C-alpha atoms as a PDB file:
ATOM      1  CA  MET A   1      91.801  35.585   9.019  1.00  0.00           C
ATOM      2  CA  PHE A   2      88.213  35.236   7.646  1.00  0.00           C
ATOM      3  CA  PHE A   3      85.065  36.688   8.976  1.00  0.00           C
ATOM      4  CA  LYS A   4      81.637  35.299   8.653  1.00  0.00           C
ATOM      5  CA  ARG A   5      79.401  37.780   6.560  1.00  0.00           C
ATOM      6  CA  ALA A   6      77.239  39.371   8.622  1.00  0.00           C
ATOM      7  CA  GLY A   7      73.268  38.024   8.055  1.00  0.00           C
ATOM      8  CA  ARG A   8      70.456  40.700   7.870  1.00  0.00           C
ATOM      9  CA  SER A   9      68.438  41.507  10.848  1.00  0.00           C
ATOM     10  CA  LYS A  10      65.736  39.236  11.375  1.00  0.00           C
ATOM     11  CA  ALA A  11      63.785  41.764  13.595  1.00  0.00           C
ATOM     12  CA  PRO A  12      61.851  43.495  10.459  1.00  0.00           C
ATOM     13  CA  GLN A  13      60.589  39.992   9.300  1.00  0.00           C
ATOM     14  CA  ARG A  14      59.226  39.198  13.083  1.00  0.00           C
ATOM     15  CA  SER A  15      57.538  42.570  12.958  1.00  0.00           C
ATOM     16  CA  VAL A  16      56.082  41.637   9.793  1.00  0.00           C
ATOM     17  CA  ILE A  17      55.036  38.338  10.924  1.00  0.00           C
ATOM     18  CA  LEU A  18      53.569  39.986  13.629  1.00  0.00           C
ATOM     19  CA  ALA A  19      51.282  42.672  11.718  1.00  0.00           C
ATOM     20  CA  LEU A  20      49.918  39.865   9.510  1.00  0.00           C
ATOM     21  CA  SER A  21      48.924  38.033  12.215  1.00  0.00           C
ATOM     22  CA  LEU A  22      46.974  40.873  13.298  1.00  0.00           C
ATOM     23  CA  VAL A  23      45.311  41.552  10.460  1.00  0.00           C
ATOM     24  CA  VAL A  24      44.648  38.235   8.564  1.00  0.00           C
ATOM     25  CA  PRO A  25      42.162  37.058  11.342  1.00  0.00           C
ATOM     26  CA  SER A  26      40.385  40.395  11.426  1.00  0.00           C
ATOM     27  CA  LEU A  27      40.281  40.275   7.639  1.00  0.00           C
ATOM     28  CA  PHE A  28      38.627  36.149   7.880  1.00  0.00           C
ATOM     29  CA  LEU A  29      36.089  37.450  10.860  1.00  0.00           C
ATOM     30  CA  SER A  30      34.804  40.588   8.297  1.00  0.00           C
ATOM     31  CA  ALA A  31      34.778  38.227   5.370  1.00  0.00           C
ATOM     32  CA  CYS A  32      32.346  36.170   7.360  1.00  0.00           C
ATOM     33  CA  MET A  33      30.570  38.408   8.909  1.00  0.00           C
ATOM     34  CA  SER A  34      30.212  40.085   4.981  1.00  0.00           C
ATOM     35  CA  SER A  35      28.772  36.865   3.967  1.00  0.00           C
ATOM     36  CA  GLU A  36      26.493  35.618   6.824  1.00  0.00           C
ATOM     37  CA  LYS A  37      23.726  38.516   4.691  1.00  0.00           C
ATOM     38  CA  ASP A  38      23.464  36.132   1.832  1.00  0.00           C
ATOM     39  CA  ILE A  39      23.393  32.477   3.319  1.00  0.00           C
ATOM     40  CA  ASP A  40      20.160  31.194   2.859  1.00  0.00           C
ATOM     41  CA  LEU A  41      19.917  29.042   6.003  1.00  0.00           C
ATOM     42  CA  SER A  42      16.685  28.021   4.927  1.00  0.00           C
ATOM     43  CA  LYS A  43      18.014  25.126   2.955  1.00  0.00           C
ATOM     44  CA  TYR A  44      19.303  23.687   6.702  1.00  0.00           C
ATOM     45  CA  VAL A  45      16.030  23.586   7.687  1.00  0.00           C
ATOM     46  CA  ASP A  46      13.840  20.098   7.227  1.00  0.00           C
ATOM     47  CA  GLN A  47      11.367  21.332   4.858  1.00  0.00           C
ATOM     48  CA  THR A  48       9.756  17.666   4.051  1.00  0.00           C
ATOM     49  CA  GLU A  49       5.968  17.366   4.639  1.00  0.00           C
ATOM     50  CA  PRO A  50       4.737  14.150   5.537  1.00  0.00           C
ATOM     51  CA  ALA A  51       4.028  11.941   2.502  1.00  0.00           C
ATOM     52  CA  ASP A  52       0.257  11.142   3.393  1.00  0.00           C
ATOM     53  CA  VAL A  53      -0.268  14.971   3.755  1.00  0.00           C
ATOM     54  CA  LEU A  54       0.473  15.531   0.084  1.00  0.00           C
ATOM     55  CA  TYR A  55      -0.562  12.842  -1.339  1.00  0.00           C
ATOM     56  CA  ASN A  56      -3.950  13.813   0.243  1.00  0.00           C
ATOM     57  CA  GLN A  57      -3.351  17.303  -1.104  1.00  0.00           C
ATOM     58  CA  GLY A  58      -2.409  16.118  -4.451  1.00  0.00           C
ATOM     59  CA  LEU A  59      -5.909  13.825  -4.816  1.00  0.00           C
ATOM     60  CA  ALA A  60      -7.842  17.112  -3.539  1.00  0.00           C
ATOM     61  CA  ASN A  61      -6.284  19.442  -5.992  1.00  0.00           C
ATOM     62  CA  LEU A  62      -6.870  16.741  -8.750  1.00  0.00           C
ATOM     63  CA  ASN A  63     -10.745  16.588  -7.882  1.00  0.00           C
ATOM     64  CA  ALA A  64     -10.913  20.147  -7.905  1.00  0.00           C
ATOM     65  CA  GLY A  65      -9.269  20.229 -11.268  1.00  0.00           C
ATOM     66  CA  ARG A  66      -6.194  21.977 -10.313  1.00  0.00           C
ATOM     67  CA  LEU A  67      -4.410  20.053 -12.312  1.00  0.00           C
ATOM     68  CA  ASP A  68      -0.652  21.490 -12.190  1.00  0.00           C
ATOM     69  CA  GLU A  69      -0.802  21.556  -8.499  1.00  0.00           C
ATOM     70  CA  ALA A  70      -1.728  18.008  -8.137  1.00  0.00           C
ATOM     71  CA  SER A  71       1.209  17.397 -10.221  1.00  0.00           C
ATOM     72  CA  LYS A  72       3.592  19.065  -8.296  1.00  0.00           C
ATOM     73  CA  LYS A  73       2.137  17.611  -4.567  1.00  0.00           C
ATOM     74  CA  PHE A  74       2.462  14.187  -6.414  1.00  0.00           C
ATOM     75  CA  ASP A  75       6.134  14.833  -7.833  1.00  0.00           C
ATOM     76  CA  ALA A  76       6.616  16.666  -4.273  1.00  0.00           C
ATOM     77  CA  VAL A  77       5.895  12.861  -2.529  1.00  0.00           C
ATOM     78  CA  ASP A  78       8.169  11.230  -5.256  1.00  0.00           C
ATOM     79  CA  ARG A  79      10.942  13.468  -4.636  1.00  0.00           C
ATOM     80  CA  GLN A  80      10.892  13.933  -0.556  1.00  0.00           C
ATOM     81  CA  HIS A  81      10.063  10.117  -0.159  1.00  0.00           C
ATOM     82  CA  PRO A  82      11.193   7.924  -2.686  1.00  0.00           C
ATOM     83  CA  TYR A  83      10.628   4.589  -2.963  1.00  0.00           C
ATOM     84  CA  SER A  84       8.205   4.624  -0.042  1.00  0.00           C
ATOM     85  CA  GLU A  85       4.311   3.542  -0.629  1.00  0.00           C
ATOM     86  CA  TRP A  86       3.219   7.223  -1.114  1.00  0.00           C
ATOM     87  CA  ALA A  87       5.696   8.088  -3.589  1.00  0.00           C
ATOM     88  CA  ARG A  88       4.648   4.363  -5.599  1.00  0.00           C
ATOM     89  CA  LYS A  89       1.094   5.812  -5.240  1.00  0.00           C
ATOM     90  CA  SER A  90       1.858   9.057  -6.410  1.00  0.00           C
ATOM     91  CA  MET A  91       3.965   8.137  -9.230  1.00  0.00           C
ATOM     92  CA  VAL A  92       0.910   6.572 -11.057  1.00  0.00           C
ATOM     93  CA  MET A  93      -1.588   9.139  -9.991  1.00  0.00           C
ATOM     94  CA  GLY A  94       0.854  11.787 -11.488  1.00  0.00           C
ATOM     95  CA  ALA A  95       1.253   9.959 -14.517  1.00  0.00           C
ATOM     96  CA  PHE A  96      -2.648  10.366 -14.700  1.00  0.00           C
ATOM     97  CA  ALA A  97      -2.906  14.205 -13.432  1.00  0.00           C
ATOM     98  CA  ASP A  98      -0.585  14.616 -17.087  1.00  0.00           C
ATOM     99  CA  TYR A  99      -2.765  12.907 -18.729  1.00  0.00           C
ATOM    100  CA  ARG A 100      -5.927  14.716 -17.791  1.00  0.00           C
ATOM    101  CA  LYS A 101      -4.141  18.063 -18.565  1.00  0.00           C
ATOM    102  CA  GLY A 102      -2.720  16.690 -21.917  1.00  0.00           C
ATOM    103  CA  SER A 103       0.927  16.327 -21.002  1.00  0.00           C
ATOM    104  CA  TYR A 104       0.527  13.113 -22.822  1.00  0.00           C
ATOM    105  CA  ASP A 105       4.465  12.667 -23.237  1.00  0.00           C
ATOM    106  CA  ASP A 106       4.822  13.156 -19.266  1.00  0.00           C
ATOM    107  CA  ALA A 107       2.492  11.045 -18.410  1.00  0.00           C
ATOM    108  CA  ILE A 108       3.868   8.413 -20.588  1.00  0.00           C
ATOM    109  CA  SER A 109       6.915   8.695 -19.301  1.00  0.00           C
ATOM    110  CA  SER A 110       6.036   8.452 -15.818  1.00  0.00           C
ATOM    111  CA  ALA A 111       3.646   5.488 -16.219  1.00  0.00           C
ATOM    112  CA  LYS A 112       6.795   3.722 -18.057  1.00  0.00           C
ATOM    113  CA  ARG A 113       8.688   4.429 -14.992  1.00  0.00           C
ATOM    114  CA  TYR A 114       6.111   3.022 -12.681  1.00  0.00           C
ATOM    115  CA  LEU A 115       5.954  -0.017 -14.658  1.00  0.00           C
ATOM    116  CA  ALA A 116       9.636  -0.334 -14.837  1.00  0.00           C
ATOM    117  CA  LEU A 117       9.953  -0.134 -10.882  1.00  0.00           C
ATOM    118  CA  TYR A 118       6.908  -1.628  -9.804  1.00  0.00           C
ATOM    119  CA  PRO A 119       5.225  -4.122 -12.886  1.00  0.00           C
ATOM    120  CA  SER A 120       3.789  -6.347 -10.545  1.00  0.00           C
ATOM    121  CA  THR A 121       1.560  -4.650  -8.564  1.00  0.00           C
ATOM    122  CA  ASP A 122      -2.058  -3.946  -8.364  1.00  0.00           C
ATOM    123  CA  ASP A 123      -2.025  -0.556 -10.090  1.00  0.00           C
ATOM    124  CA  ALA A 124       0.168  -1.928 -12.982  1.00  0.00           C
ATOM    125  CA  PRO A 125      -2.335  -2.341 -15.421  1.00  0.00           C
ATOM    126  CA  TYR A 126      -3.957   0.900 -14.883  1.00  0.00           C
ATOM    127  CA  ALA A 127      -0.234   2.188 -15.732  1.00  0.00           C
ATOM    128  CA  GLN A 128      -0.428   0.471 -18.901  1.00  0.00           C
ATOM    129  CA  TYR A 129      -3.953   1.705 -19.437  1.00  0.00           C
ATOM    130  CA  ILE A 130      -2.794   5.620 -19.022  1.00  0.00           C
ATOM    131  CA  ILE A 131       0.205   4.973 -21.710  1.00  0.00           C
ATOM    132  CA  GLY A 132      -2.532   3.734 -23.938  1.00  0.00           C
ATOM    133  CA  LEU A 133      -4.634   6.477 -23.453  1.00  0.00           C
ATOM    134  CA  SER A 134      -2.124   8.934 -23.965  1.00  0.00           C
ATOM    135  CA  TYR A 135      -1.431   7.337 -27.257  1.00  0.00           C
ATOM    136  CA  TYR A 136      -5.001   7.091 -28.257  1.00  0.00           C
ATOM    137  CA  ARG A 137      -5.653  11.005 -27.578  1.00  0.00           C
ATOM    138  CA  GLN A 138      -2.561  11.615 -30.131  1.00  0.00           C
ATOM    139  CA  ILE A 139      -3.762   9.533 -32.926  1.00  0.00           C
ATOM    140  CA  LYS A 140      -4.043  11.798 -36.110  1.00  0.00           C
ATOM    141  CA  ASP A 141      -6.533  11.582 -39.520  1.00  0.00           C
ATOM    142  CA  VAL A 142      -5.797   9.249 -42.114  1.00  0.00           C
ATOM    143  CA  THR A 143      -4.408  11.520 -44.174  1.00  0.00           C
ATOM    144  CA  GLN A 144      -1.381  11.859 -41.609  1.00  0.00           C
ATOM    145  CA  ASP A 145       1.180   9.802 -39.949  1.00  0.00           C
ATOM    146  CA  GLN A 146      -0.772   6.644 -37.867  1.00  0.00           C
ATOM    147  CA  LYS A 147       2.738   6.197 -35.584  1.00  0.00           C
ATOM    148  CA  GLU A 148       0.010   6.983 -32.448  1.00  0.00           C
ATOM    149  CA  ALA A 149      -2.419   4.558 -33.516  1.00  0.00           C
ATOM    150  CA  ARG A 150       0.173   1.782 -33.879  1.00  0.00           C
ATOM    151  CA  GLN A 151       1.300   2.764 -30.836  1.00  0.00           C
ATOM    152  CA  THR A 152      -2.331   2.610 -29.318  1.00  0.00           C
ATOM    153  CA  LEU A 153      -2.515  -0.841 -30.590  1.00  0.00           C
ATOM    154  CA  GLN A 154       0.647  -2.339 -29.462  1.00  0.00           C
ATOM    155  CA  THR A 155       0.224  -0.907 -25.693  1.00  0.00           C
ATOM    156  CA  MET A 156      -3.490  -1.655 -25.244  1.00  0.00           C
ATOM    157  CA  GLN A 157      -3.167  -5.285 -26.920  1.00  0.00           C
ATOM    158  CA  ASP A 158      -0.407  -5.747 -24.390  1.00  0.00           C
ATOM    159  CA  LEU A 159      -2.874  -4.680 -21.866  1.00  0.00           C
ATOM    160  CA  VAL A 160      -4.997  -7.282 -22.774  1.00  0.00           C
ATOM    161  CA  THR A 161      -2.799 -10.057 -22.893  1.00  0.00           C
ATOM    162  CA  ARG A 162      -1.059  -9.314 -19.458  1.00  0.00           C
ATOM    163  CA  TRP A 163      -3.501  -8.573 -17.418  1.00  0.00           C
ATOM    164  CA  PRO A 164      -7.039 -10.165 -19.246  1.00  0.00           C
ATOM    165  CA  THR A 165      -8.934  -9.684 -16.114  1.00  0.00           C
ATOM    166  CA  SER A 166      -8.536  -6.086 -15.537  1.00  0.00           C
ATOM    167  CA  GLU A 167     -11.376  -3.439 -15.376  1.00  0.00           C
ATOM    168  CA  TYR A 168      -9.840  -1.769 -18.026  1.00  0.00           C
ATOM    169  CA  VAL A 169      -9.750  -4.674 -20.352  1.00  0.00           C
ATOM    170  CA  ASP A 170     -13.120  -3.970 -22.217  1.00  0.00           C
ATOM    171  CA  ASP A 171     -12.288   0.022 -22.878  1.00  0.00           C
ATOM    172  CA  ALA A 172      -8.471  -1.261 -24.185  1.00  0.00           C
ATOM    173  CA  LYS A 173     -10.311  -3.685 -26.724  1.00  0.00           C
ATOM    174  CA  GLU A 174     -12.735  -0.582 -28.220  1.00  0.00           C
ATOM    175  CA  LYS A 175      -9.242   1.296 -28.716  1.00  0.00           C
ATOM    176  CA  ILE A 176      -7.750  -1.553 -30.527  1.00  0.00           C
ATOM    177  CA  ARG A 177     -10.576  -1.668 -32.739  1.00  0.00           C
ATOM    178  CA  PHE A 178     -10.232   1.864 -33.327  1.00  0.00           C
ATOM    179  CA  ALA A 179      -6.776   1.657 -33.775  1.00  0.00           C
ATOM    180  CA  ASN A 180      -6.970  -1.111 -36.407  1.00  0.00           C
ATOM    181  CA  ASP A 181      -9.993   0.985 -38.206  1.00  0.00           C
ATOM    182  CA  GLN A 182      -7.392   3.840 -38.332  1.00  0.00           C
ATOM    183  CA  LEU A 183      -4.528   1.680 -39.703  1.00  0.00           C
ATOM    184  CA  ALA A 184      -6.708   0.418 -42.578  1.00  0.00           C
ATOM    185  CA  GLY A 185      -8.158   3.782 -43.293  1.00  0.00           C
ATOM    186  CA  LYS A 186      -4.535   4.538 -43.732  1.00  0.00           C
ATOM    187  CA  GLU A 187      -3.886   1.758 -45.954  1.00  0.00           C
ATOM    188  CA  MET A 188      -6.995   2.740 -48.364  1.00  0.00           C
ATOM    189  CA  GLN A 189      -6.143   5.859 -48.639  1.00  0.00           C
ATOM    190  CA  ILE A 190      -2.817   5.177 -50.223  1.00  0.00           C
ATOM    191  CA  GLY A 191      -4.585   2.479 -52.203  1.00  0.00           C
ATOM    192  CA  ARG A 192      -6.877   4.961 -53.590  1.00  0.00           C
ATOM    193  CA  TYR A 193      -3.859   7.322 -54.325  1.00  0.00           C
ATOM    194  CA  TYR A 194      -1.946   4.225 -56.494  1.00  0.00           C
ATOM    195  CA  LEU A 195      -5.404   3.158 -58.292  1.00  0.00           C
ATOM    196  CA  GLU A 196      -6.089   6.970 -59.409  1.00  0.00           C
ATOM    197  CA  ARG A 197      -2.160   7.112 -60.801  1.00  0.00           C
ATOM    198  CA  ARG A 198      -3.357   3.624 -62.526  1.00  0.00           C
ATOM    199  CA  GLU A 199      -0.526   1.890 -60.977  1.00  0.00           C
ATOM    200  CA  TYR A 200      -2.318  -1.226 -59.936  1.00  0.00           C
ATOM    201  CA  ILE A 201       0.095  -3.382 -58.446  1.00  0.00           C
ATOM    202  CA  ALA A 202       1.137  -0.916 -55.422  1.00  0.00           C
ATOM    203  CA  ALA A 203      -2.630  -0.414 -55.297  1.00  0.00           C
ATOM    204  CA  VAL A 204      -3.193  -4.206 -54.776  1.00  0.00           C
ATOM    205  CA  LYS A 205      -0.574  -4.187 -51.995  1.00  0.00           C
ATOM    206  CA  ARG A 206      -2.706  -1.773 -49.916  1.00  0.00           C
ATOM    207  CA  PHE A 207      -5.808  -3.438 -50.728  1.00  0.00           C
ATOM    208  CA  ARG A 208      -4.405  -6.841 -49.686  1.00  0.00           C
ATOM    209  CA  THR A 209      -3.070  -5.670 -46.848  1.00  0.00           C
ATOM    210  CA  VAL A 210      -6.505  -4.178 -45.397  1.00  0.00           C
ATOM    211  CA  VAL A 211      -8.126  -7.474 -46.053  1.00  0.00           C
ATOM    212  CA  GLU A 212      -5.737  -9.682 -44.845  1.00  0.00           C
ATOM    213  CA  ASN A 213      -4.591  -7.668 -41.657  1.00  0.00           C
ATOM    214  CA  TYR A 214      -7.903  -5.699 -40.864  1.00  0.00           C
ATOM    215  CA  SER A 215     -10.412  -8.111 -41.504  1.00  0.00           C
ATOM    216  CA  ASN A 216     -12.441  -6.977 -38.546  1.00  0.00           C
ATOM    217  CA  THR A 217     -12.916  -3.341 -40.084  1.00  0.00           C
ATOM    218  CA  ARG A 218     -15.180  -1.557 -42.086  1.00  0.00           C
ATOM    219  CA  HIS A 219     -12.799  -1.112 -44.557  1.00  0.00           C
ATOM    220  CA  VAL A 220     -12.737  -4.563 -45.807  1.00  0.00           C
ATOM    221  CA  GLU A 221     -16.026  -4.120 -47.876  1.00  0.00           C
ATOM    222  CA  GLU A 222     -14.503  -1.416 -49.939  1.00  0.00           C
ATOM    223  CA  ALA A 223     -11.079  -3.199 -50.164  1.00  0.00           C
ATOM    224  CA  LEU A 224     -12.416  -6.479 -51.671  1.00  0.00           C
ATOM    225  CA  ALA A 225     -14.545  -4.010 -54.451  1.00  0.00           C
ATOM    226  CA  ARG A 226     -11.147  -2.077 -54.969  1.00  0.00           C
ATOM    227  CA  LEU A 227      -9.616  -5.421 -55.625  1.00  0.00           C
ATOM    228  CA  THR A 228     -11.990  -6.271 -57.907  1.00  0.00           C
ATOM    229  CA  GLU A 229     -11.167  -3.487 -59.996  1.00  0.00           C
ATOM    230  CA  SER A 230      -7.601  -3.323 -59.592  1.00  0.00           C
ATOM    231  CA  TYR A 231      -7.047  -7.085 -60.799  1.00  0.00           C
ATOM    232  CA  TYR A 232      -9.591  -6.511 -63.497  1.00  0.00           C
ATOM    233  CA  ALA A 233      -7.395  -3.604 -64.900  1.00  0.00           C
ATOM    234  CA  LEU A 234      -4.344  -5.741 -64.456  1.00  0.00           C
ATOM    235  CA  GLY A 235      -6.126  -8.383 -66.555  1.00  0.00           C
ATOM    236  CA  LEU A 236      -5.993 -10.835 -63.609  1.00  0.00           C
ATOM    237  CA  THR A 237      -9.959 -12.181 -63.949  1.00  0.00           C
ATOM    238  CA  SER A 238      -9.841 -15.014 -61.880  1.00  0.00           C
ATOM    239  CA  GLU A 239      -8.586 -12.855 -59.041  1.00  0.00           C
ATOM    240  CA  ALA A 240     -10.950 -10.332 -60.201  1.00  0.00           C
ATOM    241  CA  GLN A 241     -13.862 -12.752 -59.916  1.00  0.00           C
ATOM    242  CA  THR A 242     -12.839 -14.010 -56.710  1.00  0.00           C
ATOM    243  CA  ALA A 243     -12.936 -10.830 -55.103  1.00  0.00           C
ATOM    244  CA  ALA A 244     -16.406 -10.268 -56.124  1.00  0.00           C
ATOM    245  CA  ALA A 245     -17.548 -13.051 -54.881  1.00  0.00           C
ATOM    246  CA  VAL A 246     -16.170 -12.750 -51.791  1.00  0.00           C
ATOM    247  CA  LEU A 247     -17.516  -9.729 -51.454  1.00  0.00           C
ATOM    248  CA  GLY A 248     -20.729 -10.752 -52.402  1.00  0.00           C
ATOM    249  CA  THR A 249     -20.500 -13.743 -49.777  1.00  0.00           C
ATOM    250  CA  ASN A 250     -20.014 -11.598 -46.862  1.00  0.00           C
ATOM    251  CA  TYR A 251     -21.578  -8.182 -47.969  1.00  0.00           C
ATOM    252  CA  PRO A 252     -24.321  -9.168 -50.424  1.00  0.00           C
ATOM    253  CA  ASP A 253     -26.464  -5.964 -50.251  1.00  0.00           C
ATOM    254  CA  SER A 254     -23.528  -3.907 -50.308  1.00  0.00           C
ATOM    255  CA  PRO A 255     -23.236  -1.242 -53.073  1.00  0.00           C
ATOM    256  CA  TRP A 256     -19.454  -2.259 -53.649  1.00  0.00           C
ATOM    257  CA  TYR A 257     -20.770  -5.568 -54.701  1.00  0.00           C
ATOM    258  CA  LYS A 258     -23.516  -4.112 -57.034  1.00  0.00           C
ATOM    259  CA  ASP A 259     -20.758  -1.734 -58.809  1.00  0.00           C
ATOM    260  CA  SER A 260     -17.936  -5.058 -58.591  1.00  0.00           C
ATOM    261  CA  TYR A 261     -20.944  -7.211 -60.572  1.00  0.00           C
ATOM    262  CA  LYS A 262     -21.743  -4.753 -62.848  1.00  0.00           C
ATOM    263  CA  LEU A 263     -17.974  -4.048 -63.811  1.00  0.00           C
ATOM    264  CA  LEU A 264     -17.356  -7.811 -64.252  1.00  0.00           C
ATOM    265  CA  GLN A 265     -20.603  -8.050 -66.345  1.00  0.00           C
ATOM    266  CA  SER A 266     -19.510  -5.389 -68.964  1.00  0.00           C
ATOM    267  CA  ASN A 267     -16.966  -8.229 -70.178  1.00  0.00           C
ATOM    268  CA  GLY A 268     -19.420 -11.133 -69.890  1.00  0.00           C
ATOM    269  CA  LEU A 269     -17.931 -11.936 -66.432  1.00  0.00           C
ATOM    270  CA  SER A 270     -19.481 -12.991 -63.186  1.00  0.00           C
ATOM    271  CA  PRO A 271     -18.220 -13.479 -59.484  1.00  0.00           C
ATOM    272  CA  ARG A 272     -16.507 -17.098 -59.012  1.00  0.00           C
ATOM    273  CA  GLU A 273     -14.482 -17.930 -56.242  1.00  0.00           C
ATOM    274  CA  ASN A 274     -11.048 -19.666 -56.937  1.00  0.00           C
ATOM    275  CA  ALA A 275     -10.376 -21.773 -53.701  1.00  0.00           C
ATOM    276  CA  GLY A 276      -6.770 -21.650 -54.128  1.00  0.00           C
ATOM    277  CA  SER A 277      -6.408 -17.930 -54.254  1.00  0.00           C
ATOM    278  CA  TRP A 278      -5.234 -15.617 -51.127  1.00  0.00           C
ATOM    279  CA  ILE A 279      -8.580 -13.853 -51.540  1.00  0.00           C
ATOM    280  CA  SER A 280     -10.560 -16.909 -50.560  1.00  0.00           C
ATOM    281  CA  LYS A 281      -8.464 -17.969 -47.999  1.00  0.00           C
ATOM    282  CA  ALA A 282      -8.363 -14.535 -46.423  1.00  0.00           C
ATOM    283  CA  GLY A 283     -12.075 -14.337 -46.720  1.00  0.00           C
ATOM    284  CA  LYS A 284     -13.046 -17.179 -44.369  1.00  0.00           C
ATOM    285  CA  LEU A 285     -11.816 -14.754 -41.659  1.00  0.00           C
ATOM    286  CA  ILE A 286     -13.771 -11.607 -42.390  1.00  0.00           C
ATOM    287  CA  THR A 287     -15.931 -10.949 -39.509  1.00  0.00           C
ATOM    288  CA  GLY A 288     -17.156  -7.405 -40.530  1.00  0.00           C
ATOM    289  CA  ALA A 289     -16.991  -4.285 -38.765  1.00  0.00           C
END
């Protein structure tokens, strides 16, 4: 005769379960009550302000010279009311505030973002102008790299091309002239360096760049005289004579022309233009500074 094994009594298990059912809720309630003190309920409250209010506060701060505060207000409009009309206006004004306080990289970034989102609005040329001004303000002396001058030139030229009737065009053209002068000055500085080292071919390349690409700058006059000197040193007398002739035609009273004339005369030569020379062709485009 077989007997079933006696099972364990279930009474103790029921006691444990009952005890846990009483303890767990109390622990949960306790945890909730203790964490309530650490919860910041303010984030659940709508803290946005009307877009026009924020925008006008930004303008007021801007006019008062509180540029950091102005930037914060314009950023708040864009953040709290994205893609609204006020956000659009705030974006370009925020770029201007950044420009005013010298945060040029931020100004460029904001203005470029504006142009990417709103390329056809009335404020688009202004955004482009802010980018150009931000590059312009960072242009360095000609002894240093002229990256910002090239960026100014490109940005302002795009402004003139895309928005030819814009109120910013006249000043953009002034900035273009300045940037061109800087770039020509950089070429002249390098050309003089090579000339002093008697690396005449390298020098000619730099001076030629000035005559061909920056013919409306003040550096053309010296560039032609340096070409006369470099070609003469290389024994290319025809090119030296042509450079001097073009210099005399465009700047007859220039001290640079007098020096070039004396240099040629020292070997019984005189300025004489060769119509087939690149210098003669480039000379027809010289307009002066």
